[in-house]
Amino acid sequence: MKIGEHDWHLEPLGTHIWRGRMEAGQLLALARVVKEEGGQLIALWGSDNRHLGRGFAIHAALLTSAGLAWVTCALPDEAPAYPDLAHIFPQADRMQRATFD
């Protein structure tokens, strides 16, 4: 899936829905491009799958001009941090606080 000038390597799940994984640092770049293109952050949530051997992850659903992009970023167990998206999408502030809790 191409957003802006970059191909984000997201795979189609259905009509106008894409899914992919990326590094946490790439999430910030993707959020900026989505915002520049007039898109929005729909949801942001975290998961703790250590019991399945997969560790922590952050997930974001972004509305783009092409449809919905759902991305997941694996986070290290010892420091599960991810970039702050609230300066790009103000609604991320509450979602990030809920994820922290």
C-alpha atoms as a PDB file:
ATOM      1  CA  MET A   1       0.000   0.000   0.000  1.00  0.00           C
ATOM      2  CA  LYS A   2       1.439   3.331  -1.026  1.00  0.00           C
ATOM      3  CA  ILE A   3       0.767   6.377   1.139  1.00  0.00           C
ATOM      4  CA  GLY A   4       2.537   9.536   0.101  1.00  0.00           C
ATOM      5  CA  GLU A   5       5.721   8.615  -1.728  1.00  0.00           C
ATOM      6  CA  HIS A   6       6.439   5.466   0.291  1.00  0.00           C
ATOM      7  CA  ASP A   7       5.257   1.870  -0.080  1.00  0.00           C
ATOM      8  CA  TRP A   8       4.534   0.693   3.474  1.00  0.00           C
ATOM      9  CA  HIS A   9       4.373  -3.023   2.564  1.00  0.00           C
ATOM     10  CA  LEU A  10       0.867  -3.515   3.917  1.00  0.00           C
ATOM     11  CA  GLU A  11      -1.059  -6.516   2.649  1.00  0.00           C
ATOM     12  CA  PRO A  12      -4.712  -6.278   1.569  1.00  0.00           C
ATOM     13  CA  LEU A  13      -7.226  -7.962   3.873  1.00  0.00           C
ATOM     14  CA  GLY A  14     -10.260  -6.998   1.854  1.00  0.00           C
ATOM     15  CA  THR A  15     -11.615  -4.116  -0.131  1.00  0.00           C
ATOM     16  CA  HIS A  16      -9.984  -0.921   1.188  1.00  0.00           C
ATOM     17  CA  ILE A  17      -8.397  -2.626   4.234  1.00  0.00           C
ATOM     18  CA  TRP A  18      -4.645  -3.212   4.626  1.00  0.00           C
ATOM     19  CA  ARG A  19      -2.683  -4.899   7.417  1.00  0.00           C
ATOM     20  CA  GLY A  20       1.001  -4.930   8.214  1.00  0.00           C
ATOM     21  CA  ARG A  21       3.813  -4.943  10.744  1.00  0.00           C
ATOM     22  CA  MET A  22       6.520  -2.353  11.146  1.00  0.00           C
ATOM     23  CA  GLU A  23       9.113  -1.071  13.564  1.00  0.00           C
ATOM     24  CA  ALA A  24       7.854   1.360  16.209  1.00  0.00           C
ATOM     25  CA  GLY A  25       9.972   4.140  14.694  1.00  0.00           C
ATOM     26  CA  GLN A  26       8.191   3.727  11.370  1.00  0.00           C
ATOM     27  CA  LEU A  27       4.818   4.314  13.044  1.00  0.00           C
ATOM     28  CA  LEU A  28       5.673   7.975  13.610  1.00  0.00           C
ATOM     29  CA  ALA A  29       6.654   8.432   9.960  1.00  0.00           C
ATOM     30  CA  LEU A  30       3.475   6.699   8.795  1.00  0.00           C
ATOM     31  CA  ALA A  31       1.322   8.863  11.082  1.00  0.00           C
ATOM     32  CA  ARG A  32       2.895  12.033   9.669  1.00  0.00           C
ATOM     33  CA  VAL A  33       2.274  10.978   6.080  1.00  0.00           C
ATOM     34  CA  VAL A  34      -1.318   9.936   6.814  1.00  0.00           C
ATOM     35  CA  LYS A  35      -1.974  13.330   8.458  1.00  0.00           C
ATOM     36  CA  GLU A  36      -0.358  15.215   5.547  1.00  0.00           C
ATOM     37  CA  GLU A  37      -2.632  13.318   3.153  1.00  0.00           C
ATOM     38  CA  GLY A  38      -5.739  14.321   5.153  1.00  0.00           C
ATOM     39  CA  GLY A  39      -6.157  11.016   7.010  1.00  0.00           C
ATOM     40  CA  GLN A  40      -6.985  10.306  10.649  1.00  0.00           C
ATOM     41  CA  LEU A  41      -6.059   8.049  13.524  1.00  0.00           C
ATOM     42  CA  ILE A  42      -9.105   5.874  14.216  1.00  0.00           C
ATOM     43  CA  ALA A  43      -7.802   3.770  17.114  1.00  0.00           C
ATOM     44  CA  LEU A  44      -4.636   2.968  19.018  1.00  0.00           C
ATOM     45  CA  TRP A  45      -4.289   0.098  21.486  1.00  0.00           C
ATOM     46  CA  GLY A  46      -1.699  -2.140  23.059  1.00  0.00           C
ATOM     47  CA  SER A  47      -1.465  -5.863  23.617  1.00  0.00           C
ATOM     48  CA  ASP A  48       0.436  -8.050  26.060  1.00  0.00           C
ATOM     49  CA  ASN A  49       0.941 -11.480  24.518  1.00  0.00           C
ATOM     50  CA  ARG A  50       3.887 -12.574  26.647  1.00  0.00           C
ATOM     51  CA  HIS A  51       1.911 -15.663  27.651  1.00  0.00           C
ATOM     52  CA  LEU A  52       1.972 -16.659  23.958  1.00  0.00           C
ATOM     53  CA  GLY A  53       5.671 -15.882  23.583  1.00  0.00           C
ATOM     54  CA  ARG A  54       5.015 -12.781  21.478  1.00  0.00           C
ATOM     55  CA  GLY A  55       5.576  -9.968  23.996  1.00  0.00           C
ATOM     56  CA  PHE A  56       4.115  -6.479  23.835  1.00  0.00           C
ATOM     57  CA  ALA A  57       2.807  -4.676  20.755  1.00  0.00           C
ATOM     58  CA  ILE A  58       1.162  -1.411  19.816  1.00  0.00           C
ATOM     59  CA  HIS A  59      -1.563  -1.362  17.159  1.00  0.00           C
ATOM     60  CA  ALA A  60      -2.934   1.571  15.176  1.00  0.00           C
ATOM     61  CA  ALA A  61      -5.847   1.866  12.785  1.00  0.00           C
ATOM     62  CA  LEU A  62      -5.466   4.783  10.394  1.00  0.00           C
ATOM     63  CA  LEU A  63      -7.961   6.110   7.877  1.00  0.00           C
ATOM     64  CA  THR A  64      -6.208   6.962   4.622  1.00  0.00           C
ATOM     65  CA  SER A  65      -7.475   8.159   1.262  1.00  0.00           C
ATOM     66  CA  ALA A  66      -7.252   4.533   0.073  1.00  0.00           C
ATOM     67  CA  GLY A  67      -9.015   2.979   3.068  1.00  0.00           C
ATOM     68  CA  LEU A  68      -8.110   1.570   6.474  1.00  0.00           C
ATOM     69  CA  ALA A  69      -4.507   0.756   7.377  1.00  0.00           C
ATOM     70  CA  TRP A  70      -4.052  -1.447  10.477  1.00  0.00           C
ATOM     71  CA  VAL A  71      -0.455  -1.671  11.617  1.00  0.00           C
ATOM     72  CA  THR A  72       1.221  -3.523  14.479  1.00  0.00           C
ATOM     73  CA  CYS A  73       4.599  -2.767  16.007  1.00  0.00           C
ATOM     74  CA  ALA A  74       6.324  -5.304  18.244  1.00  0.00           C
ATOM     75  CA  LEU A  75       7.800  -3.732  21.376  1.00  0.00           C
ATOM     76  CA  PRO A  76      10.683  -5.022  23.495  1.00  0.00           C
ATOM     77  CA  ASP A  77       9.654  -6.694  26.766  1.00  0.00           C
ATOM     78  CA  GLU A  78      12.242  -4.804  28.796  1.00  0.00           C
ATOM     79  CA  ALA A  79      11.191  -1.334  27.529  1.00  0.00           C
ATOM     80  CA  PRO A  80       7.831  -1.417  25.717  1.00  0.00           C
ATOM     81  CA  ALA A  81       7.900   2.178  24.465  1.00  0.00           C
ATOM     82  CA  TYR A  82       6.569   3.628  21.235  1.00  0.00           C
ATOM     83  CA  PRO A  83       6.510   7.129  19.697  1.00  0.00           C
ATOM     84  CA  ASP A  84       4.038   9.728  20.965  1.00  0.00           C
ATOM     85  CA  LEU A  85       1.462  10.379  18.240  1.00  0.00           C
ATOM     86  CA  ALA A  86      -0.518  13.061  20.131  1.00  0.00           C
ATOM     87  CA  HIS A  87       1.333  15.955  18.481  1.00  0.00           C
ATOM     88  CA  ILE A  88       0.153  14.623  15.106  1.00  0.00           C
ATOM     89  CA  PHE A  89      -3.285  13.333  16.116  1.00  0.00           C
ATOM     90  CA  PRO A  90      -4.517  14.962  19.367  1.00  0.00           C
ATOM     91  CA  GLN A  91      -7.010  12.119  19.931  1.00  0.00           C
ATOM     92  CA  ALA A  92      -4.036   9.793  20.426  1.00  0.00           C
ATOM     93  CA  ASP A  93      -3.430  11.334  23.855  1.00  0.00           C
ATOM     94  CA  ARG A  94      -6.309   9.513  25.575  1.00  0.00           C
ATOM     95  CA  MET A  95      -5.682   6.293  23.677  1.00  0.00           C
ATOM     96  CA  GLN A  96      -2.018   6.341  24.700  1.00  0.00           C
ATOM     97  CA  ARG A  97      -2.950   6.926  28.349  1.00  0.00           C
ATOM     98  CA  ALA A  98      -5.387   4.007  28.221  1.00  0.00           C
ATOM     99  CA  THR A  99      -2.707   1.810  26.643  1.00  0.00           C
ATOM    100  CA  PHE A 100      -0.264   2.749  29.405  1.00  0.00           C
ATOM    101  CA  ASP A 101      -2.781   1.772  32.088  1.00  0.00           C
END
